[in-house]
All heavy atoms as atom14 arrays in JSON, in Angstrom:
{
  "sequence": "MPYEYRKYLYLDFQQIWQDASKYNLKDKINIVYEYAIKNKI",
  "atom14_mask": [
    [1, 1, 1, 1, 1, 1, 1, 1, 0, 0, 0, 0, 0, 0],
    [1, 1, 1, 1, 1, 1, 1, 0, 0, 0, 0, 0, 0, 0],
    [1, 1, 1, 1, 1, 1, 1, 1, 1, 1, 1, 1, 0, 0],
    [1, 1, 1, 1, 1, 1, 1, 1, 1, 0, 0, 0, 0, 0],
    [1, 1, 1, 1, 1, 1, 1, 1, 1, 1, 1, 1, 0, 0],
    [1, 1, 1, 1, 1, 1, 1, 1, 1, 1, 1, 0, 0, 0],
    [1, 1, 1, 1, 1, 1, 1, 1, 1, 0, 0, 0, 0, 0],
    [1, 1, 1, 1, 1, 1, 1, 1, 1, 1, 1, 1, 0, 0],
    [1, 1, 1, 1, 1, 1, 1, 1, 0, 0, 0, 0, 0, 0],
    [1, 1, 1, 1, 1, 1, 1, 1, 1, 1, 1, 1, 0, 0],
    [1, 1, 1, 1, 1, 1, 1, 1, 0, 0, 0, 0, 0, 0],
    [1, 1, 1, 1, 1, 1, 1, 1, 0, 0, 0, 0, 0, 0],
    [1, 1, 1, 1, 1, 1, 1, 1, 1, 1, 1, 0, 0, 0],
    [1, 1, 1, 1, 1, 1, 1, 1, 1, 0, 0, 0, 0, 0],
    [1, 1, 1, 1, 1, 1, 1, 1, 1, 0, 0, 0, 0, 0],
    [1, 1, 1, 1, 1, 1, 1, 1, 0, 0, 0, 0, 0, 0],
    [1, 1, 1, 1, 1, 1, 1, 1, 1, 1, 1, 1, 1, 1],
    [1, 1, 1, 1, 1, 1, 1, 1, 1, 0, 0, 0, 0, 0],
    [1, 1, 1, 1, 1, 1, 1, 1, 0, 0, 0, 0, 0, 0],
    [1, 1, 1, 1, 1, 0, 0, 0, 0, 0, 0, 0, 0, 0],
    [1, 1, 1, 1, 1, 1, 0, 0, 0, 0, 0, 0, 0, 0],
    [1, 1, 1, 1, 1, 1, 1, 1, 1, 0, 0, 0, 0, 0],
    [1, 1, 1, 1, 1, 1, 1, 1, 1, 1, 1, 1, 0, 0],
    [1, 1, 1, 1, 1, 1, 1, 1, 0, 0, 0, 0, 0, 0],
    [1, 1, 1, 1, 1, 1, 1, 1, 0, 0, 0, 0, 0, 0],
    [1, 1, 1, 1, 1, 1, 1, 1, 1, 0, 0, 0, 0, 0],
    [1, 1, 1, 1, 1, 1, 1, 1, 0, 0, 0, 0, 0, 0],
    [1, 1, 1, 1, 1, 1, 1, 1, 1, 0, 0, 0, 0, 0],
    [1, 1, 1, 1, 1, 1, 1, 1, 0, 0, 0, 0, 0, 0],
    [1, 1, 1, 1, 1, 1, 1, 1, 0, 0, 0, 0, 0, 0],
    [1, 1, 1, 1, 1, 1, 1, 1, 0, 0, 0, 0, 0, 0],
    [1, 1, 1, 1, 1, 1, 1, 0, 0, 0, 0, 0, 0, 0],
    [1, 1, 1, 1, 1, 1, 1, 1, 1, 1, 1, 1, 0, 0],
    [1, 1, 1, 1, 1, 1, 1, 1, 1, 0, 0, 0, 0, 0],
    [1, 1, 1, 1, 1, 1, 1, 1, 1, 1, 1, 1, 0, 0],
    [1, 1, 1, 1, 1, 0, 0, 0, 0, 0, 0, 0, 0, 0],
    [1, 1, 1, 1, 1, 1, 1, 1, 0, 0, 0, 0, 0, 0],
    [1, 1, 1, 1, 1, 1, 1, 1, 1, 0, 0, 0, 0, 0],
    [1, 1, 1, 1, 1, 1, 1, 1, 0, 0, 0, 0, 0, 0],
    [1, 1, 1, 1, 1, 1, 1, 1, 1, 0, 0, 0, 0, 0],
    [1, 1, 1, 1, 1, 1, 1, 1, 0, 0, 0, 0, 0, 0]
  ],
  "atom14_positions": [
    [[-4.96, 5.18, -14.58], [-4.9, 6.63, -14.63], [-3.64, 7.07, -15.36], [-2.61, 6.39, -15.3], [-4.93, 7.21, -13.21], [-6.2, 6.92, -12.44], [-6.17, 7.61, -10.76], [-7.81, 7.13, -10.18], [0.0, 0.0, 0.0], [0.0, 0.0, 0.0], [0.0, 0.0, 0.0], [0.0, 0.0, 0.0], [0.0, 0.0, 0.0], [0.0, 0.0, 0.0]],
    [[-3.67, 8.19, -16.08], [-2.51, 8.65, -16.84], [-1.26, 8.76, -15.97], [-1.31, 9.35, -14.89], [-2.94, 10.01, -17.38], [-4.43, 9.97, -17.38], [-4.82, 9.11, -16.22], [0.0, 0.0, 0.0], [0.0, 0.0, 0.0], [0.0, 0.0, 0.0], [0.0, 0.0, 0.0], [0.0, 0.0, 0.0], [0.0, 0.0, 0.0], [0.0, 0.0, 0.0]],
    [[-0.17, 8.24, -16.46], [1.07, 8.21, -15.68], [1.55, 9.61, -15.33], [2.08, 9.85, -14.24], [2.15, 7.45, -16.45], [3.49, 7.44, -15.75], [3.68, 6.7, -14.61], [4.55, 8.2, -16.24], [4.89, 6.7, -13.95], [5.76, 8.21, -15.61], [5.94, 7.46, -14.46], [7.15, 7.48, -13.82], [0.0, 0.0, 0.0], [0.0, 0.0, 0.0]],
    [[1.38, 10.58, -16.22], [1.87, 11.93, -15.99], [1.2, 12.61, -14.8], [1.75, 13.55, -14.22], [1.66, 12.77, -17.25], [0.19, 12.94, -17.65], [0.01, 13.65, -18.95], [0.38, 14.83, -19.04], [-0.52, 13.03, -19.88], [0.0, 0.0, 0.0], [0.0, 0.0, 0.0], [0.0, 0.0, 0.0], [0.0, 0.0, 0.0], [0.0, 0.0, 0.0]],
    [[0.01, 12.14, -14.43], [-0.69, 12.71, -13.29], [-0.56, 11.86, -12.03], [-0.86, 12.35, -10.93], [-2.17, 12.92, -13.63], [-2.39, 13.9, -14.76], [-3.01, 13.5, -15.94], [-1.96, 15.21, -14.66], [-3.2, 14.39, -16.98], [-2.14, 16.11, -15.7], [-2.76, 15.69, -16.86], [-2.93, 16.58, -17.89], [0.0, 0.0, 0.0], [0.0, 0.0, 0.0]],
    [[-0.14, 10.63, -12.19], [-0.02, 9.75, -11.03], [1.04, 10.21, -10.04], [1.05, 9.77, -8.88], [0.29, 8.32, -11.48], [-0.96, 7.44, -11.56], [-0.59, 6.01, -11.87], [-0.49, 5.76, -13.28], [0.3, 4.84, -13.83], [1.05, 4.09, -13.09], [0.31, 4.67, -15.13], [0.0, 0.0, 0.0], [0.0, 0.0, 0.0], [0.0, 0.0, 0.0]],
    [[1.95, 11.1, -10.47], [2.96, 11.59, -9.55], [2.36, 12.43, -8.43], [3.02, 12.71, -7.43], [4.02, 12.4, -10.29], [3.52, 13.68, -10.95], [4.64, 14.38, -11.7], [4.17, 15.65, -12.38], [5.26, 16.31, -13.15], [0.0, 0.0, 0.0], [0.0, 0.0, 0.0], [0.0, 0.0, 0.0], [0.0, 0.0, 0.0], [0.0, 0.0, 0.0]],
    [[1.1, 12.84, -8.6], [0.41, 13.6, -7.57], [-0.35, 12.7, -6.6], [-0.99, 13.2, -5.67], [-0.56, 14.61, -8.21], [0.12, 15.62, -9.08], [0.1, 15.5, -10.48], [0.8, 16.69, -8.53], [0.74, 16.42, -11.29], [1.45, 17.62, -9.33], [1.42, 17.47, -10.7], [2.07, 18.39, -11.51], [0.0, 0.0, 0.0], [0.0, 0.0, 0.0]],
    [[-0.26, 11.4, -6.81], [-1.0, 10.44, -6.0], [-0.04, 9.6, -5.17], [0.94, 9.07, -5.69], [-1.83, 9.53, -6.91], [-2.59, 8.38, -6.24], [-3.67, 8.92, -5.3], [-3.21, 7.47, -7.29], [0.0, 0.0, 0.0], [0.0, 0.0, 0.0], [0.0, 0.0, 0.0], [0.0, 0.0, 0.0], [0.0, 0.0, 0.0], [0.0, 0.0, 0.0]],
    [[-0.34, 9.46, -3.87], [0.46, 8.65, -2.96], [-0.46, 7.71, -2.18], [-1.53, 8.11, -1.74], [1.24, 9.53, -1.98], [2.37, 10.3, -2.61], [2.13, 11.49, -3.29], [3.68, 9.82, -2.55], [3.16, 12.19, -3.9], [4.71, 10.52, -3.14], [4.45, 11.7, -3.81], [5.48, 12.38, -4.42], [0.0, 0.0, 0.0], [0.0, 0.0, 0.0]],
    [[-0.01, 6.47, -2.03], [-0.78, 5.49, -1.27], [-0.24, 5.4, 0.15], [0.96, 5.37, 0.37], [-0.72, 4.11, -1.93], [-1.17, 4.01, -3.39], [-1.24, 2.55, -3.8], [-2.51, 4.69, -3.61], [0.0, 0.0, 0.0], [0.0, 0.0, 0.0], [0.0, 0.0, 0.0], [0.0, 0.0, 0.0], [0.0, 0.0, 0.0], [0.0, 0.0, 0.0]],
    [[-1.14, 5.33, 1.09], [-0.79, 5.19, 2.51], [-1.62, 4.04, 3.08], [-2.81, 4.18, 3.32], [-1.07, 6.49, 3.26], [-0.73, 6.39, 4.74], [0.07, 5.5, 5.11], [-1.27, 7.2, 5.53], [0.0, 0.0, 0.0], [0.0, 0.0, 0.0], [0.0, 0.0, 0.0], [0.0, 0.0, 0.0], [0.0, 0.0, 0.0], [0.0, 0.0, 0.0]],
    [[-0.99, 2.88, 3.26], [-1.68, 1.7, 3.77], [-1.68, 1.72, 5.29], [-0.63, 1.82, 5.93], [-1.01, 0.43, 3.26], [-1.12, 0.23, 1.78], [-0.14, 0.72, 0.92], [-2.21, -0.42, 1.22], [-0.23, 0.54, -0.44], [-2.31, -0.6, -0.15], [-1.32, -0.12, -0.99], [0.0, 0.0, 0.0], [0.0, 0.0, 0.0], [0.0, 0.0, 0.0]],
    [[-2.88, 1.59, 5.88], [-3.01, 1.61, 7.33], [-3.91, 0.47, 7.79], [-5.05, 0.35, 7.34], [-3.59, 2.95, 7.81], [-2.71, 4.16, 7.54], [-1.47, 4.18, 8.39], [-1.43, 3.58, 9.49], [-0.43, 4.87, 7.93], [0.0, 0.0, 0.0], [0.0, 0.0, 0.0], [0.0, 0.0, 0.0], [0.0, 0.0, 0.0], [0.0, 0.0, 0.0]],
    [[-3.36, -0.35, 8.67], [-4.18, -1.42, 9.23], [-5.12, -0.83, 10.28], [-4.72, -0.09, 11.17], [-3.3, -2.5, 9.87], [-4.05, -3.75, 10.3], [-3.13, -4.85, 10.8], [-1.91, -4.67, 10.88], [-3.67, -6.01, 11.11], [0.0, 0.0, 0.0], [0.0, 0.0, 0.0], [0.0, 0.0, 0.0], [0.0, 0.0, 0.0], [0.0, 0.0, 0.0]],
    [[-6.4, -1.14, 10.16], [-7.39, -0.66, 11.12], [-7.01, -1.12, 12.52], [-6.67, -2.29, 12.73], [-8.79, -1.16, 10.73], [-9.24, -0.48, 9.43], [-9.8, -0.87, 11.84], [-10.53, -0.95, 8.9], [0.0, 0.0, 0.0], [0.0, 0.0, 0.0], [0.0, 0.0, 0.0], [0.0, 0.0, 0.0], [0.0, 0.0, 0.0], [0.0, 0.0, 0.0]],
    [[-7.05, -0.19, 13.47], [-6.48, -0.46, 14.79], [-7.16, -1.63, 15.49], [-6.51, -2.38, 16.22], [-6.51, 0.8, 15.66], [-7.89, 1.29, 16.03], [-8.62, 2.22, 15.36], [-8.66, 0.91, 17.17], [-9.82, 2.43, 15.99], [-9.87, 1.65, 17.12], [-8.46, 0.04, 18.23], [-10.88, 1.52, 18.08], [-9.45, -0.1, 19.2], [-10.64, 0.63, 19.12]],
    [[-8.47, -1.81, 15.25], [-9.15, -2.96, 15.87], [-8.6, -4.28, 15.36], [-8.59, -5.28, 16.06], [-10.66, -2.89, 15.62], [-11.36, -1.71, 16.28], [-11.52, -0.53, 15.37], [-10.71, -0.32, 14.46], [-12.55, 0.27, 15.57], [0.0, 0.0, 0.0], [0.0, 0.0, 0.0], [0.0, 0.0, 0.0], [0.0, 0.0, 0.0], [0.0, 0.0, 0.0]],
    [[-8.14, -4.29, 14.11], [-7.58, -5.49, 13.49], [-6.11, -5.66, 13.84], [-5.63, -6.78, 14.03], [-7.74, -5.4, 11.97], [-7.43, -6.71, 11.25], [-8.3, -7.61, 11.28], [-6.33, -6.83, 10.66], [0.0, 0.0, 0.0], [0.0, 0.0, 0.0], [0.0, 0.0, 0.0], [0.0, 0.0, 0.0], [0.0, 0.0, 0.0], [0.0, 0.0, 0.0]],
    [[-5.39, -4.54, 13.94], [-3.94, -4.58, 14.21], [-3.63, -5.19, 15.56], [-2.55, -5.76, 15.77], [-3.36, -3.16, 14.13], [0.0, 0.0, 0.0], [0.0, 0.0, 0.0], [0.0, 0.0, 0.0], [0.0, 0.0, 0.0], [0.0, 0.0, 0.0], [0.0, 0.0, 0.0], [0.0, 0.0, 0.0], [0.0, 0.0, 0.0], [0.0, 0.0, 0.0]],
    [[-4.55, -5.07, 16.51], [-4.32, -5.63, 17.83], [-4.37, -7.15, 17.84], [-3.96, -7.78, 18.81], [-5.36, -5.08, 18.82], [-6.68, -5.46, 18.43], [0.0, 0.0, 0.0], [0.0, 0.0, 0.0], [0.0, 0.0, 0.0], [0.0, 0.0, 0.0], [0.0, 0.0, 0.0], [0.0, 0.0, 0.0], [0.0, 0.0, 0.0], [0.0, 0.0, 0.0]],
    [[-4.84, -7.75, 16.75], [-5.0, -9.21, 16.7], [-4.14, -9.88, 15.63], [-3.77, -11.04, 15.78], [-6.47, -9.56, 16.43], [-7.44, -9.07, 17.5], [-8.88, -9.42, 17.12], [-9.87, -8.89, 18.14], [-11.28, -9.2, 17.75], [0.0, 0.0, 0.0], [0.0, 0.0, 0.0], [0.0, 0.0, 0.0], [0.0, 0.0, 0.0], [0.0, 0.0, 0.0]],
    [[-3.82, -9.14, 14.55], [-3.17, -9.79, 13.4], [-1.92, -9.01, 12.96], [-1.94, -7.79, 12.81], [-4.13, -9.88, 12.21], [-5.4, -10.65, 12.51], [-6.56, -9.97, 12.89], [-5.44, -12.03, 12.4], [-7.72, -10.66, 13.16], [-6.61, -12.73, 12.68], [-7.74, -12.04, 13.06], [-8.9, -12.73, 13.32], [0.0, 0.0, 0.0], [0.0, 0.0, 0.0]],
    [[-0.82, -9.74, 12.75], [0.41, -9.18, 12.21], [0.44, -9.45, 10.71], [0.62, -10.58, 10.28], [1.64, -9.78, 12.89], [2.94, -9.15, 12.41], [2.97, -8.38, 11.45], [4.03, -9.47, 13.09], [0.0, 0.0, 0.0], [0.0, 0.0, 0.0], [0.0, 0.0, 0.0], [0.0, 0.0, 0.0], [0.0, 0.0, 0.0], [0.0, 0.0, 0.0]],
    [[0.26, -8.4, 9.91], [0.14, -8.55, 8.46], [1.31, -7.91, 7.72], [1.19, -7.58, 6.54], [-1.18, -7.94, 7.98], [-2.45, -8.5, 8.64], [-3.68, -7.74, 8.13], [-2.6, -9.99, 8.36], [0.0, 0.0, 0.0], [0.0, 0.0, 0.0], [0.0, 0.0, 0.0], [0.0, 0.0, 0.0], [0.0, 0.0, 0.0], [0.0, 0.0, 0.0]],
    [[2.45, -7.74, 8.4], [3.58, -7.03, 7.81], [4.05, -7.67, 6.51], [4.26, -6.99, 5.51], [4.74, -6.98, 8.82], [5.96, -6.22, 8.29], [7.08, -6.19, 9.31], [8.29, -5.45, 8.75], [9.41, -5.42, 9.73], [0.0, 0.0, 0.0], [0.0, 0.0, 0.0], [0.0, 0.0, 0.0], [0.0, 0.0, 0.0], [0.0, 0.0, 0.0]],
    [[4.23, -8.98, 6.49], [4.73, -9.66, 5.29], [3.76, -9.52, 4.12], [4.16, -9.29, 2.97], [4.99, -11.14, 5.58], [6.17, -11.35, 6.52], [6.99, -10.43, 6.66], [6.26, -12.44, 7.13], [0.0, 0.0, 0.0], [0.0, 0.0, 0.0], [0.0, 0.0, 0.0], [0.0, 0.0, 0.0], [0.0, 0.0, 0.0], [0.0, 0.0, 0.0]],
    [[2.46, -9.62, 4.42], [1.46, -9.53, 3.35], [1.37, -8.12, 2.78], [1.22, -7.94, 1.57], [0.1, -9.98, 3.88], [0.0, -11.47, 4.17], [-1.4, -11.88, 4.59], [-1.49, -13.39, 4.81], [-2.86, -13.8, 5.21], [0.0, 0.0, 0.0], [0.0, 0.0, 0.0], [0.0, 0.0, 0.0], [0.0, 0.0, 0.0], [0.0, 0.0, 0.0]],
    [[1.47, -7.11, 3.65], [1.37, -5.74, 3.14], [2.63, -5.37, 2.37], [2.58, -4.55, 1.44], [1.08, -4.74, 4.28], [0.5, -3.44, 3.72], [2.34, -4.45, 5.11], [-0.81, -3.59, 3.02], [0.0, 0.0, 0.0], [0.0, 0.0, 0.0], [0.0, 0.0, 0.0], [0.0, 0.0, 0.0], [0.0, 0.0, 0.0], [0.0, 0.0, 0.0]],
    [[3.77, -5.94, 2.71], [5.0, -5.69, 1.95], [4.86, -6.18, 0.5], [5.41, -5.56, -0.41], [6.19, -6.36, 2.63], [6.68, -5.59, 3.84], [6.42, -4.39, 3.98], [7.41, -6.26, 4.72], [0.0, 0.0, 0.0], [0.0, 0.0, 0.0], [0.0, 0.0, 0.0], [0.0, 0.0, 0.0], [0.0, 0.0, 0.0], [0.0, 0.0, 0.0]],
    [[4.14, -7.26, 0.31], [3.89, -7.75, -1.05], [3.07, -6.74, -1.84], [3.32, -6.49, -3.03], [3.17, -9.12, -1.0], [4.09, -10.18, -0.37], [2.74, -9.56, -2.39], [3.4, -11.52, -0.12], [0.0, 0.0, 0.0], [0.0, 0.0, 0.0], [0.0, 0.0, 0.0], [0.0, 0.0, 0.0], [0.0, 0.0, 0.0], [0.0, 0.0, 0.0]],
    [[2.09, -6.12, -1.17], [1.27, -5.09, -1.8], [2.13, -3.88, -2.17], [1.99, -3.3, -3.25], [0.1, -4.68, -0.9], [-0.75, -3.61, -1.58], [-0.76, -5.89, -0.54], [0.0, 0.0, 0.0], [0.0, 0.0, 0.0], [0.0, 0.0, 0.0], [0.0, 0.0, 0.0], [0.0, 0.0, 0.0], [0.0, 0.0, 0.0], [0.0, 0.0, 0.0]],
    [[3.03, -3.47, -1.24], [3.95, -2.37, -1.51], [4.72, -2.63, -2.8], [4.83, -1.76, -3.68], [4.95, -2.19, -0.37], [4.39, -1.64, 0.92], [5.12, -1.7, 2.08], [3.14, -1.05, 0.97], [4.65, -1.2, 3.27], [2.64, -0.55, 2.16], [3.4, -0.63, 3.31], [2.91, -0.14, 4.5], [0.0, 0.0, 0.0], [0.0, 0.0, 0.0]],
    [[5.3, -3.81, -2.88], [6.11, -4.17, -4.04], [5.3, -4.14, -5.33], [5.79, -3.71, -6.38], [6.74, -5.55, -3.83], [7.78, -5.58, -2.7], [8.25, -6.98, -2.37], [7.79, -7.94, -3.05], [9.05, -7.14, -1.42], [0.0, 0.0, 0.0], [0.0, 0.0, 0.0], [0.0, 0.0, 0.0], [0.0, 0.0, 0.0], [0.0, 0.0, 0.0]],
    [[4.06, -4.58, -5.25], [3.2, -4.59, -6.43], [2.88, -3.15, -6.87], [2.85, -2.85, -8.07], [1.92, -5.36, -6.15], [1.06, -5.59, -7.37], [1.49, -6.39, -8.42], [-0.2, -5.0, -7.47], [0.7, -6.6, -9.54], [-1.0, -5.21, -8.58], [-0.54, -6.0, -9.62], [-1.33, -6.2, -10.73], [0.0, 0.0, 0.0], [0.0, 0.0, 0.0]],
    [[2.65, -2.27, -5.9], [2.38, -0.87, -6.21], [3.58, -0.21, -6.88], [3.43, 0.5, -7.88], [1.99, -0.11, -4.95], [0.0, 0.0, 0.0], [0.0, 0.0, 0.0], [0.0, 0.0, 0.0], [0.0, 0.0, 0.0], [0.0, 0.0, 0.0], [0.0, 0.0, 0.0], [0.0, 0.0, 0.0], [0.0, 0.0, 0.0], [0.0, 0.0, 0.0]],
    [[4.76, -0.43, -6.32], [5.98, 0.15, -6.88], [6.23, -0.38, -8.29], [6.62, 0.37, -9.19], [7.18, -0.15, -5.96], [7.0, 0.6, -4.63], [8.5, 0.26, -6.62], [7.97, 0.18, -3.56], [0.0, 0.0, 0.0], [0.0, 0.0, 0.0], [0.0, 0.0, 0.0], [0.0, 0.0, 0.0], [0.0, 0.0, 0.0], [0.0, 0.0, 0.0]],
    [[5.99, -1.67, -8.49], [6.14, -2.28, -9.81], [5.24, -1.59, -10.83], [5.61, -1.45, -12.01], [5.82, -3.78, -9.73], [5.97, -4.53, -11.04], [5.62, -6.0, -10.87], [5.72, -6.76, -12.19], [5.34, -8.19, -12.04], [0.0, 0.0, 0.0], [0.0, 0.0, 0.0], [0.0, 0.0, 0.0], [0.0, 0.0, 0.0], [0.0, 0.0, 0.0]],
    [[4.07, -1.17, -10.39], [3.11, -0.51, -11.27], [3.25, 1.01, -11.25], [2.35, 1.73, -11.7], [1.69, -0.91, -10.89], [1.31, -2.3, -11.37], [0.83, -2.48, -12.48], [1.53, -3.29, -10.51], [0.0, 0.0, 0.0], [0.0, 0.0, 0.0], [0.0, 0.0, 0.0], [0.0, 0.0, 0.0], [0.0, 0.0, 0.0], [0.0, 0.0, 0.0]],
    [[4.37, 1.49, -10.71], [4.71, 2.91, -10.71], [3.67, 3.76, -9.98], [3.28, 4.84, -10.45], [4.92, 3.4, -12.14], [6.07, 2.7, -12.85], [6.28, 3.22, -14.27], [7.46, 2.49, -14.92], [7.7, 2.96, -16.3], [0.0, 0.0, 0.0], [0.0, 0.0, 0.0], [0.0, 0.0, 0.0], [0.0, 0.0, 0.0], [0.0, 0.0, 0.0]],
    [[3.24, 3.24, -8.86], [2.35, 3.98, -7.95], [3.17, 4.38, -6.73], [3.83, 3.54, -6.12], [1.13, 3.14, -7.51], [0.38, 2.59, -8.72], [0.21, 3.98, -6.62], [-0.36, 3.58, -9.51], [0.0, 0.0, 0.0], [0.0, 0.0, 0.0], [0.0, 0.0, 0.0], [0.0, 0.0, 0.0], [0.0, 0.0, 0.0], [0.0, 0.0, 0.0]]
  ]
}
């Protein structure tokens, strides 16, 4: 998507609560965060 309009877009990652009660995915989601920031999202 055009970079000039991406400033209006924000990502909000949420682990589904049924899954969160069983799995700790903090380290894996941090990798995704870093990849998004690297790509200017």
